[in-house]
């Protein structure tokens, strides 16, 4: 049995429609993927920035503790050392 011209056209139209649906799904998946990659990149940049801020804050804490340990009197000389003023401020000692 040979397909008629109309049956052949219907089969081709159906195949085209299926292909177009797959293309639409592929386009959507690609957009979602690009959005996720962009979001991941933004989060990586944020993590780098926060890591740098954390390192700076940690160094400040170390300097502050060293100031106190080395005999600075933070209650008397708080204006002389930034490390001591950091401790005074964060522990509400001033």
PDB file of N, CA and C in Angstrom:
ATOM      1  N   UNK A   1       0.835  -1.161   0.000  1.00  0.00           N
ATOM      2  CA  UNK A   1       0.000   0.000   0.000  1.00  0.00           C
ATOM      3  C   UNK A   1       0.894   1.244   0.000  1.00  0.00           C
ATOM      4  N   UNK A   2       0.680   2.090  -0.954  1.00  0.00           N
ATOM      5  CA  UNK A   2       1.390   3.351  -1.032  1.00  0.00           C
ATOM      6  C   UNK A   2       0.556   4.427  -0.377  1.00  0.00           C
ATOM      7  N   UNK A   3       1.262   5.329   0.308  1.00  0.00           N
ATOM      8  CA  UNK A   3       0.559   6.441   0.923  1.00  0.00           C
ATOM      9  C   UNK A   3       0.123   7.395  -0.178  1.00  0.00           C
ATOM     10  N   UNK A   4      -1.004   7.973   0.032  1.00  0.00           N
ATOM     11  CA  UNK A   4      -1.464   8.984  -0.920  1.00  0.00           C
ATOM     12  C   UNK A   4      -0.692  10.265  -0.679  1.00  0.00           C
ATOM     13  N   UNK A   5      -0.766  11.155  -1.569  1.00  0.00           N
ATOM     14  CA  UNK A   5      -0.094  12.445  -1.447  1.00  0.00           C
ATOM     15  C   UNK A   5      -0.559  13.168  -0.190  1.00  0.00           C
ATOM     16  N   UNK A   6      -1.822  13.082   0.113  1.00  0.00           N
ATOM     17  CA  UNK A   6      -2.369  13.744   1.316  1.00  0.00           C
ATOM     18  C   UNK A   6      -1.820  13.112   2.586  1.00  0.00           C
ATOM     19  N   UNK A   7      -1.727  11.781   2.618  1.00  0.00           N
ATOM     20  CA  UNK A   7      -1.174  11.094   3.786  1.00  0.00           C
ATOM     21  C   UNK A   7       0.303  11.462   3.975  1.00  0.00           C
ATOM     22  N   UNK A   8       1.021  11.539   2.863  1.00  0.00           N
ATOM     23  CA  UNK A   8       2.429  11.903   2.920  1.00  0.00           C
ATOM     24  C   UNK A   8       2.585  13.321   3.454  1.00  0.00           C
ATOM     25  N   UNK A   9       1.764  14.236   2.969  1.00  0.00           N
ATOM     26  CA  UNK A   9       1.819  15.615   3.437  1.00  0.00           C
ATOM     27  C   UNK A   9       1.489  15.702   4.922  1.00  0.00           C
ATOM     28  N   UNK A  10       0.527  14.919   5.366  1.00  0.00           N
ATOM     29  CA  UNK A  10       0.164  14.911   6.790  1.00  0.00           C
ATOM     30  C   UNK A  10       1.328  14.368   7.627  1.00  0.00           C
ATOM     31  N   UNK A  11       1.974  13.315   7.159  1.00  0.00           N
ATOM     32  CA  UNK A  11       3.101  12.735   7.896  1.00  0.00           C
ATOM     33  C   UNK A  11       4.245  13.741   7.976  1.00  0.00           C
ATOM     34  N   UNK A  12       4.508  14.440   6.870  1.00  0.00           N
ATOM     35  CA  UNK A  12       5.564  15.457   6.863  1.00  0.00           C
ATOM     36  C   UNK A  12       5.202  16.596   7.803  1.00  0.00           C
ATOM     37  N   UNK A  13       3.974  17.043   7.755  1.00  0.00           N
ATOM     38  CA  UNK A  13       3.528  18.135   8.633  1.00  0.00           C
ATOM     39  C   UNK A  13       3.660  17.728  10.094  1.00  0.00           C
ATOM     40  N   UNK A  14       3.302  16.489  10.405  1.00  0.00           N
ATOM     41  CA  UNK A  14       3.416  16.008  11.787  1.00  0.00           C
ATOM     42  C   UNK A  14       4.889  15.956  12.206  1.00  0.00           C
ATOM     43  N   UNK A  15       5.759  15.474  11.328  1.00  0.00           N
ATOM     44  CA  UNK A  15       7.186  15.406  11.637  1.00  0.00           C
ATOM     45  C   UNK A  15       7.748  16.812  11.860  1.00  0.00           C
ATOM     46  N   UNK A  16       7.319  17.754  11.037  1.00  0.00           N
ATOM     47  CA  UNK A  16       7.765  19.148  11.200  1.00  0.00           C
ATOM     48  C   UNK A  16       7.282  19.706  12.525  1.00  0.00           C
ATOM     49  N   UNK A  17       6.038  19.444  12.873  1.00  0.00           N
ATOM     50  CA  UNK A  17       5.481  19.925  14.136  1.00  0.00           C
ATOM     51  C   UNK A  17       6.237  19.335  15.329  1.00  0.00           C
ATOM     52  N   UNK A  18       6.546  18.054  15.278  1.00  0.00           N
ATOM     53  CA  UNK A  18       7.306  17.414  16.351  1.00  0.00           C
ATOM     54  C   UNK A  18       8.703  18.035  16.456  1.00  0.00           C
ATOM     55  N   UNK A  19       9.331  18.270  15.295  1.00  0.00           N
ATOM     56  CA  UNK A  19      10.656  18.893  15.288  1.00  0.00           C
ATOM     57  C   UNK A  19      10.591  20.299  15.883  1.00  0.00           C
ATOM     58  N   UNK A  20       9.552  21.057  15.528  1.00  0.00           N
ATOM     59  CA  UNK A  20       9.405  22.419  16.050  1.00  0.00           C
ATOM     60  C   UNK A  20       9.188  22.421  17.562  1.00  0.00           C
ATOM     61  N   UNK A  21       8.440  21.446  18.059  1.00  0.00           N
ATOM     62  CA  UNK A  21       8.237  21.339  19.518  1.00  0.00           C
ATOM     63  C   UNK A  21       9.558  21.031  20.219  1.00  0.00           C
ATOM     64  N   UNK A  22      10.336  20.128  19.642  1.00  0.00           N
ATOM     65  CA  UNK A  22      11.638  19.799  20.223  1.00  0.00           C
ATOM     66  C   UNK A  22      12.537  21.036  20.203  1.00  0.00           C
ATOM     67  N   UNK A  23      12.514  21.794  19.100  1.00  0.00           N
ATOM     68  CA  UNK A  23      13.318  23.014  19.003  1.00  0.00           C
ATOM     69  C   UNK A  23      12.905  24.022  20.075  1.00  0.00           C
ATOM     70  N   UNK A  24      11.597  24.163  20.302  1.00  0.00           N
ATOM     71  CA  UNK A  24      11.113  25.088  21.334  1.00  0.00           C
ATOM     72  C   UNK A  24      11.589  24.652  22.718  1.00  0.00           C
ATOM     73  N   UNK A  25      11.528  23.340  22.990  1.00  0.00           N
ATOM     74  CA  UNK A  25      12.011  22.833  24.277  1.00  0.00           C
ATOM     75  C   UNK A  25      13.512  23.054  24.422  1.00  0.00           C
ATOM     76  N   UNK A  26      14.250  22.842  23.336  1.00  0.00           N
ATOM     77  CA  UNK A  26      15.689  23.069  23.351  1.00  0.00           C
ATOM     78  C   UNK A  26      16.001  24.540  23.604  1.00  0.00           C
ATOM     79  N   UNK A  27      15.291  25.437  22.970  1.00  0.00           N
ATOM     80  CA  UNK A  27      15.500  26.874  23.177  1.00  0.00           C
ATOM     81  C   UNK A  27      15.235  27.257  24.631  1.00  0.00           C
ATOM     82  N   UNK A  28      14.152  26.730  25.187  1.00  0.00           N
ATOM     83  CA  UNK A  28      13.812  27.018  26.582  1.00  0.00           C
ATOM     84  C   UNK A  28      14.895  26.485  27.520  1.00  0.00           C
ATOM     85  N   UNK A  29      15.341  25.255  27.282  1.00  0.00           N
ATOM     86  CA  UNK A  29      16.392  24.670  28.116  1.00  0.00           C
ATOM     87  C   UNK A  29      17.679  25.488  28.003  1.00  0.00           C
ATOM     88  N   UNK A  30      17.991  25.954  26.813  1.00  0.00           N
ATOM     89  CA  UNK A  30      19.199  26.770  26.618  1.00  0.00           C
ATOM     90  C   UNK A  30      19.100  28.084  27.373  1.00  0.00           C
ATOM     91  N   UNK A  31      17.940  28.728  27.322  1.00  0.00           N
ATOM     92  CA  UNK A  31      17.754  29.988  28.058  1.00  0.00           C
ATOM     93  C   UNK A  31      17.880  29.756  29.559  1.00  0.00           C
ATOM     94  N   UNK A  32      17.268  28.685  30.035  1.00  0.00           N
ATOM     95  CA  UNK A  32      17.369  28.377  31.466  1.00  0.00           C
ATOM     96  C   UNK A  32      18.813  28.113  31.866  1.00  0.00           C
ATOM     97  N   UNK A  33      19.535  27.381  31.027  1.00  0.00           N
ATOM     98  CA  UNK A  33      20.931  27.084  31.306  1.00  0.00           C
ATOM     99  C   UNK A  33      21.749  28.361  31.359  1.00  0.00           C
ATOM    100  N   UNK A  34      21.571  29.247  30.377  1.00  0.00           N
ATOM    101  CA  UNK A  34      22.317  30.509  30.375  1.00  0.00           C
ATOM    102  C   UNK A  34      21.993  31.331  31.613  1.00  0.00           C
ATOM    103  N   UNK A  35      20.726  31.322  32.017  1.00  0.00           N
ATOM    104  CA  UNK A  35      20.331  32.064  33.219  1.00  0.00           C
ATOM    105  C   UNK A  35      21.024  31.485  34.459  1.00  0.00           C
ATOM    106  N   UNK A  36      21.081  30.164  34.535  1.00  0.00           N
ATOM    107  CA  UNK A  36      21.750  29.527  35.670  1.00  0.00           C
ATOM    108  C   UNK A  36      23.245  29.811  35.663  1.00  0.00           C
ATOM    109  N   UNK A  37      23.865  29.792  34.491  1.00  0.00           N
ATOM    110  CA  UNK A  37      25.296  30.095  34.398  1.00  0.00           C
ATOM    111  C   UNK A  37      25.548  31.527  34.835  1.00  0.00           C
ATOM    112  N   UNK A  38      24.695  32.455  34.384  1.00  0.00           N
ATOM    113  CA  UNK A  38      24.840  33.858  34.785  1.00  0.00           C
ATOM    114  C   UNK A  38      24.701  33.994  36.301  1.00  0.00           C
ATOM    115  N   UNK A  39      23.684  33.329  36.867  1.00  0.00           N
ATOM    116  CA  UNK A  39      23.464  33.404  38.312  1.00  0.00           C
ATOM    117  C   UNK A  39      24.642  32.793  39.072  1.00  0.00           C
ATOM    118  N   UNK A  40      25.169  31.683  38.570  1.00  0.00           N
ATOM    119  CA  UNK A  40      26.317  31.056  39.226  1.00  0.00           C
ATOM    120  C   UNK A  40      27.534  31.972  39.173  1.00  0.00           C
ATOM    121  N   UNK A  41      27.724  32.635  38.042  1.00  0.00           N
ATOM    122  CA  UNK A  41      28.849  33.570  37.910  1.00  0.00           C
ATOM    123  C   UNK A  41      28.687  34.736  38.890  1.00  0.00           C
ATOM    124  N   UNK A  42      27.472  35.256  38.985  1.00  0.00           N
ATOM    125  CA  UNK A  42      27.214  36.359  39.914  1.00  0.00           C
ATOM    126  C   UNK A  42      27.476  35.917  41.358  1.00  0.00           C
ATOM    127  N   UNK A  43      27.070  34.696  41.683  1.00  0.00           N
ATOM    128  CA  UNK A  43      27.312  34.189  43.041  1.00  0.00           C
ATOM    129  C   UNK A  43      28.802  33.991  43.295  1.00  0.00           C
ATOM    130  N   UNK A  44      29.539  33.543  42.274  1.00  0.00           N
ATOM    131  CA  UNK A  44      30.986  33.364  42.428  1.00  0.00           C
ATOM    132  C   UNK A  44      31.659  34.710  42.687  1.00  0.00           C
ATOM    133  N   UNK A  45      31.233  35.739  41.967  1.00  0.00           N
ATOM    134  CA  UNK A  45      31.789  37.075  42.192  1.00  0.00           C
ATOM    135  C   UNK A  45      31.454  37.569  43.596  1.00  0.00           C
ATOM    136  N   UNK A  46      30.231  37.326  44.031  1.00  0.00           N
ATOM    137  CA  UNK A  46      29.817  37.731  45.378  1.00  0.00           C
ATOM    138  C   UNK A  46      30.647  36.994  46.424  1.00  0.00           C
ATOM    139  N   UNK A  47      30.860  35.703  46.215  1.00  0.00           N
ATOM    140  CA  UNK A  47      31.658  34.920  47.159  1.00  0.00           C
ATOM    141  C   UNK A  47      33.094  35.437  47.226  1.00  0.00           C
ATOM    142  N   UNK A  48      33.666  35.809  46.079  1.00  0.00           N
ATOM    143  CA  UNK A  48      35.015  36.373  46.067  1.00  0.00           C
ATOM    144  C   UNK A  48      35.062  37.681  46.851  1.00  0.00           C
ATOM    145  N   UNK A  49      34.063  38.544  46.633  1.00  0.00           N
ATOM    146  CA  UNK A  49      34.015  39.826  47.332  1.00  0.00           C
ATOM    147  C   UNK A  49      33.879  39.610  48.838  1.00  0.00           C
ATOM    148  N   UNK A  50      32.971  38.714  49.242  1.00  0.00           N
ATOM    149  CA  UNK A  50      32.779  38.449  50.667  1.00  0.00           C
ATOM    150  C   UNK A  50      34.024  37.818  51.289  1.00  0.00           C
ATOM    151  N   UNK A  51      34.693  36.980  50.530  1.00  0.00           N
ATOM    152  CA  UNK A  51      35.921  36.373  51.031  1.00  0.00           C
ATOM    153  C   UNK A  51      36.977  37.442  51.294  1.00  0.00           C
ATOM    154  N   UNK A  52      37.089  38.392  50.388  1.00  0.00           N
ATOM    155  CA  UNK A  52      38.047  39.482  50.581  1.00  0.00           C
ATOM    156  C   UNK A  52      37.656  40.336  51.786  1.00  0.00           C
ATOM    157  N   UNK A  53      36.373  40.627  51.934  1.00  0.00           N
ATOM    158  CA  UNK A  53      35.907  41.401  53.092  1.00  0.00           C
ATOM    159  C   UNK A  53      36.178  40.642  54.390  1.00  0.00           C
ATOM    160  N   UNK A  54      35.947  39.330  54.359  1.00  0.00           N
ATOM    161  CA  UNK A  54      36.193  38.508  55.544  1.00  0.00           C
ATOM    162  C   UNK A  54      37.669  38.529  55.901  1.00  0.00           C
ATOM    163  N   UNK A  55      38.538  38.410  54.909  1.00  0.00           N
ATOM    164  CA  UNK A  55      39.985  38.431  55.162  1.00  0.00           C
ATOM    165  C   UNK A  55      40.400  39.762  55.782  1.00  0.00           C
ATOM    166  N   UNK A  56      39.853  40.859  55.255  1.00  0.00           N
ATOM    167  CA  UNK A  56      40.175  42.180  55.800  1.00  0.00           C
ATOM    168  C   UNK A  56      39.688  42.299  57.239  1.00  0.00           C
ATOM    169  N   UNK A  57      38.463  41.862  57.498  1.00  0.00           N
ATOM    170  CA  UNK A  57      37.916  41.926  58.859  1.00  0.00           C
ATOM    171  C   UNK A  57      38.715  41.037  59.807  1.00  0.00           C
ATOM    172  N   UNK A  58      39.121  39.873  59.327  1.00  0.00           N
ATOM    173  CA  UNK A  58      39.916  38.969  60.161  1.00  0.00           C
ATOM    174  C   UNK A  58      41.254  39.589  60.518  1.00  0.00           C
ATOM    175  N   UNK A  59      41.893  40.247  59.546  1.00  0.00           N
ATOM    176  CA  UNK A  59      43.161  40.923  59.826  1.00  0.00           C
ATOM    177  C   UNK A  59      42.970  42.025  60.859  1.00  0.00           C
ATOM    178  N   UNK A  60      41.859  42.740  60.769  1.00  0.00           N
ATOM    179  CA  UNK A  60      41.577  43.802  61.742  1.00  0.00           C
ATOM    180  C   UNK A  60      41.407  43.219  63.147  1.00  0.00           C
ATOM    181  N   UNK A  61      40.732  42.092  63.234  1.00  0.00           N
ATOM    182  CA  UNK A  61      40.548  41.438  64.535  1.00  0.00           C
ATOM    183  C   UNK A  61      41.897  41.010  65.091  1.00  0.00           C
ATOM    184  N   UNK A  62      42.733  40.412  64.259  1.00  0.00           N
ATOM    185  CA  UNK A  62      44.056  39.978  64.706  1.00  0.00           C
ATOM    186  C   UNK A  62      44.862  41.172  65.191  1.00  0.00           C
ATOM    187  N   UNK A  63      44.857  42.264  64.426  1.00  0.00           N
ATOM    188  CA  UNK A  63      45.601  43.464  64.853  1.00  0.00           C
ATOM    189  C   UNK A  63      45.049  44.006  66.163  1.00  0.00           C
ATOM    190  N   UNK A  64      43.745  43.998  66.307  1.00  0.00           N
ATOM    191  CA  UNK A  64      43.135  44.508  67.539  1.00  0.00           C
ATOM    192  C   UNK A  64      43.535  43.670  68.739  1.00  0.00           C
ATOM    193  N   UNK A  65      43.482  42.373  68.572  1.00  0.00           N
ATOM    194  CA  UNK A  65      43.862  41.482  69.671  1.00  0.00           C
ATOM    195  C   UNK A  65      45.343  41.654  69.980  1.00  0.00           C
ATOM    196  N   UNK A  66      46.168  41.784  68.947  1.00  0.00           N
ATOM    197  CA  UNK A  66      47.601  42.000  69.169  1.00  0.00           C
ATOM    198  C   UNK A  66      47.845  43.298  69.919  1.00  0.00           C
ATOM    199  N   UNK A  67      47.098  44.354  69.571  1.00  0.00           N
ATOM    200  CA  UNK A  67      47.233  45.627  70.281  1.00  0.00           C
ATOM    201  C   UNK A  67      46.975  45.439  71.773  1.00  0.00           C
ATOM    202  N   UNK A  68      45.906  44.720  72.076  1.00  0.00           N
ATOM    203  CA  UNK A  68      45.543  44.523  73.481  1.00  0.00           C
ATOM    204  C   UNK A  68      46.570  43.638  74.174  1.00  0.00           C
ATOM    205  N   UNK A  69      46.973  42.563  73.514  1.00  0.00           N
ATOM    206  CA  UNK A  69      47.936  41.637  74.108  1.00  0.00           C
ATOM    207  C   UNK A  69      49.295  42.308  74.322  1.00  0.00           C
ATOM    208  N   UNK A  70      49.684  43.197  73.424  1.00  0.00           N
ATOM    209  CA  UNK A  70      50.986  43.854  73.527  1.00  0.00           C
ATOM    210  C   UNK A  70      50.987  44.983  74.555  1.00  0.00           C
ATOM    211  N   UNK A  71      49.928  45.140  75.289  1.00  0.00           N
ATOM    212  CA  UNK A  71      49.928  46.081  76.389  1.00  0.00           C
ATOM    213  C   UNK A  71      49.289  47.410  76.102  1.00  0.00           C
ATOM    214  N   UNK A  72      48.665  47.568  74.955  1.00  0.00           N
ATOM    215  CA  UNK A  72      47.938  48.821  74.733  1.00  0.00           C
ATOM    216  C   UNK A  72      46.820  48.877  75.753  1.00  0.00           C
ATOM    217  N   UNK A  73      46.554  50.052  76.213  1.00  0.00           N
ATOM    218  CA  UNK A  73      45.461  50.226  77.147  1.00  0.00           C
ATOM    219  C   UNK A  73      44.289  50.812  76.371  1.00  0.00           C
ATOM    220  N   UNK A  74      43.416  49.990  75.847  1.00  0.00           N
ATOM    221  CA  UNK A  74      42.357  50.483  74.983  1.00  0.00           C
ATOM    222  C   UNK A  74      41.395  51.441  75.683  1.00  0.00           C
ATOM    223  N   UNK A  75      41.259  51.329  76.982  1.00  0.00           N
ATOM    224  CA  UNK A  75      40.342  52.228  77.674  1.00  0.00           C
ATOM    225  C   UNK A  75      40.924  53.627  77.835  1.00  0.00           C
ATOM    226  N   UNK A  76      42.258  53.729  77.844  1.00  0.00           N
ATOM    227  CA  UNK A  76      42.916  55.017  78.010  1.00  0.00           C
ATOM    228  C   UNK A  76      43.341  55.591  76.669  1.00  0.00           C
ATOM    229  N   UNK A  77      43.892  54.741  75.803  1.00  0.00           N
ATOM    230  CA  UNK A  77      44.472  55.220  74.553  1.00  0.00           C
ATOM    231  C   UNK A  77      43.647  54.787  73.333  1.00  0.00           C
ATOM    232  N   UNK A  78      42.354  54.765  73.426  1.00  0.00           N
ATOM    233  CA  UNK A  78      41.536  54.246  72.333  1.00  0.00           C
ATOM    234  C   UNK A  78      41.678  55.051  71.055  1.00  0.00           C
ATOM    235  N   UNK A  79      42.035  56.323  71.141  1.00  0.00           N
ATOM    236  CA  UNK A  79      42.170  57.135  69.936  1.00  0.00           C
ATOM    237  C   UNK A  79      43.506  56.909  69.245  1.00  0.00           C
ATOM    238  N   UNK A  80      44.440  56.218  69.902  1.00  0.00           N
ATOM    239  CA  UNK A  80      45.774  56.054  69.331  1.00  0.00           C
ATOM    240  C   UNK A  80      45.902  54.838  68.429  1.00  0.00           C
ATOM    241  N   UNK A  81      45.095  53.827  68.628  1.00  0.00           N
ATOM    242  CA  UNK A  81      45.221  52.609  67.821  1.00  0.00           C
ATOM    243  C   UNK A  81      43.870  52.230  67.246  1.00  0.00           C
ATOM    244  N   UNK A  82      43.862  52.036  65.932  1.00  0.00           N
ATOM    245  CA  UNK A  82      42.594  51.659  65.297  1.00  0.00           C
ATOM    246  C   UNK A  82      42.143  50.283  65.748  1.00  0.00           C
ATOM    247  N   UNK A  83      43.106  49.384  66.028  1.00  0.00           N
ATOM    248  CA  UNK A  83      42.743  48.046  66.490  1.00  0.00           C
ATOM    249  C   UNK A  83      42.024  48.083  67.818  1.00  0.00           C
ATOM    250  N   UNK A  84      42.543  48.911  68.716  1.00  0.00           N
ATOM    251  CA  UNK A  84      41.905  49.026  70.020  1.00  0.00           C
ATOM    252  C   UNK A  84      40.517  49.636  69.904  1.00  0.00           C
ATOM    253  N   UNK A  85      40.378  50.637  69.041  1.00  0.00           N
ATOM    254  CA  UNK A  85      39.056  51.242  68.891  1.00  0.00           C
ATOM    255  C   UNK A  85      38.066  50.253  68.287  1.00  0.00           C
ATOM    256  N   UNK A  86      38.566  49.356  67.451  1.00  0.00           N
ATOM    257  CA  UNK A  86      37.704  48.311  66.891  1.00  0.00           C
ATOM    258  C   UNK A  86      37.153  47.432  68.006  1.00  0.00           C
ATOM    259  N   UNK A  87      38.043  47.014  68.921  1.00  0.00           N
ATOM    260  CA  UNK A  87      37.601  46.183  70.046  1.00  0.00           C
ATOM    261  C   UNK A  87      36.642  46.965  70.937  1.00  0.00           C
ATOM    262  N   UNK A  88      36.984  48.211  71.242  1.00  0.00           N
ATOM    263  CA  UNK A  88      36.104  49.021  72.079  1.00  0.00           C
ATOM    264  C   UNK A  88      34.708  49.127  71.474  1.00  0.00           C
ATOM    265  N   UNK A  89      34.669  49.397  70.207  1.00  0.00           N
ATOM    266  CA  UNK A  89      33.378  49.575  69.545  1.00  0.00           C
ATOM    267  C   UNK A  89      32.567  48.273  69.533  1.00  0.00           C
ATOM    268  N   UNK A  90      33.185  47.164  69.155  1.00  0.00           N
ATOM    269  CA  UNK A  90      32.450  45.918  68.999  1.00  0.00           C
ATOM    270  C   UNK A  90      32.111  45.245  70.307  1.00  0.00           C
ATOM    271  N   UNK A  91      32.801  45.587  71.357  1.00  0.00           N
ATOM    272  CA  UNK A  91      32.472  44.998  72.649  1.00  0.00           C
ATOM    273  C   UNK A  91      31.837  46.040  73.571  1.00  0.00           C
ATOM    274  N   UNK A  92      31.453  47.182  73.006  1.00  0.00           N
ATOM    275  CA  UNK A  92      30.777  48.258  73.744  1.00  0.00           C
ATOM    276  C   UNK A  92      31.535  48.634  75.010  1.00  0.00           C
ATOM    277  N   UNK A  93      32.850  48.818  74.858  1.00  0.00           N
ATOM    278  CA  UNK A  93      33.663  49.171  76.019  1.00  0.00           C
ATOM    279  C   UNK A  93      33.922  50.679  76.105  1.00  0.00           C
ATOM    280  N   UNK A  94      33.521  51.439  75.111  1.00  0.00           N
ATOM    281  CA  UNK A  94      33.812  52.883  75.165  1.00  0.00           C
ATOM    282  C   UNK A  94      32.590  53.662  75.581  1.00  0.00           C
TER     283      UNK A  94
END
